[in-house]
Structure formats: structure tokens, C-alpha cells
């Protein structure tokens, strides 16, 4: 994932909280978030689900049926 992608994720989410930022009188809603570490944690959780669901530690592509068979929730 490129830094520009992380920047876009950040900018999108900051915009979603514009009203709250104005009410609180702050310029940034999200501070001190290590986005790379956060995404790494989510990736590791997803990887565990893939390994458990498909018993395949090297699976890198998914059919629609694969995605539909993954746990929900």
C-alpha cells in the first residue's frame, strides 16, 4: 500500500468528521494513529481468517464463491 493511499484514507475520514471538528473547535479529529500498524493488524487478522477458512497459508486470490464462504460478522 502506498503512502498516497494512506493519505487518501486519512483525508476521507477527516472529512467525514468535519461537523464534529467544527463543534469541538479542532482542526484534526484523528491524531497519533499509526496507520501502517493499524492496517498491519487488520491484515494479520484477515490472514488468520483465510488460513483457518481455506487451510492455505499462500492463498492470495479469491473467487466470489471464496469470499461468500468466509465467516460473516
Foldseek 3Di string as FASTA:
>chain_A
DDPVVVVVVLVVVQVVCVVVCVVVVHDGDDDPDPVVVVVVVVVVVVLVQCCVQVVDNPDDDDDPVRVVSGDDD
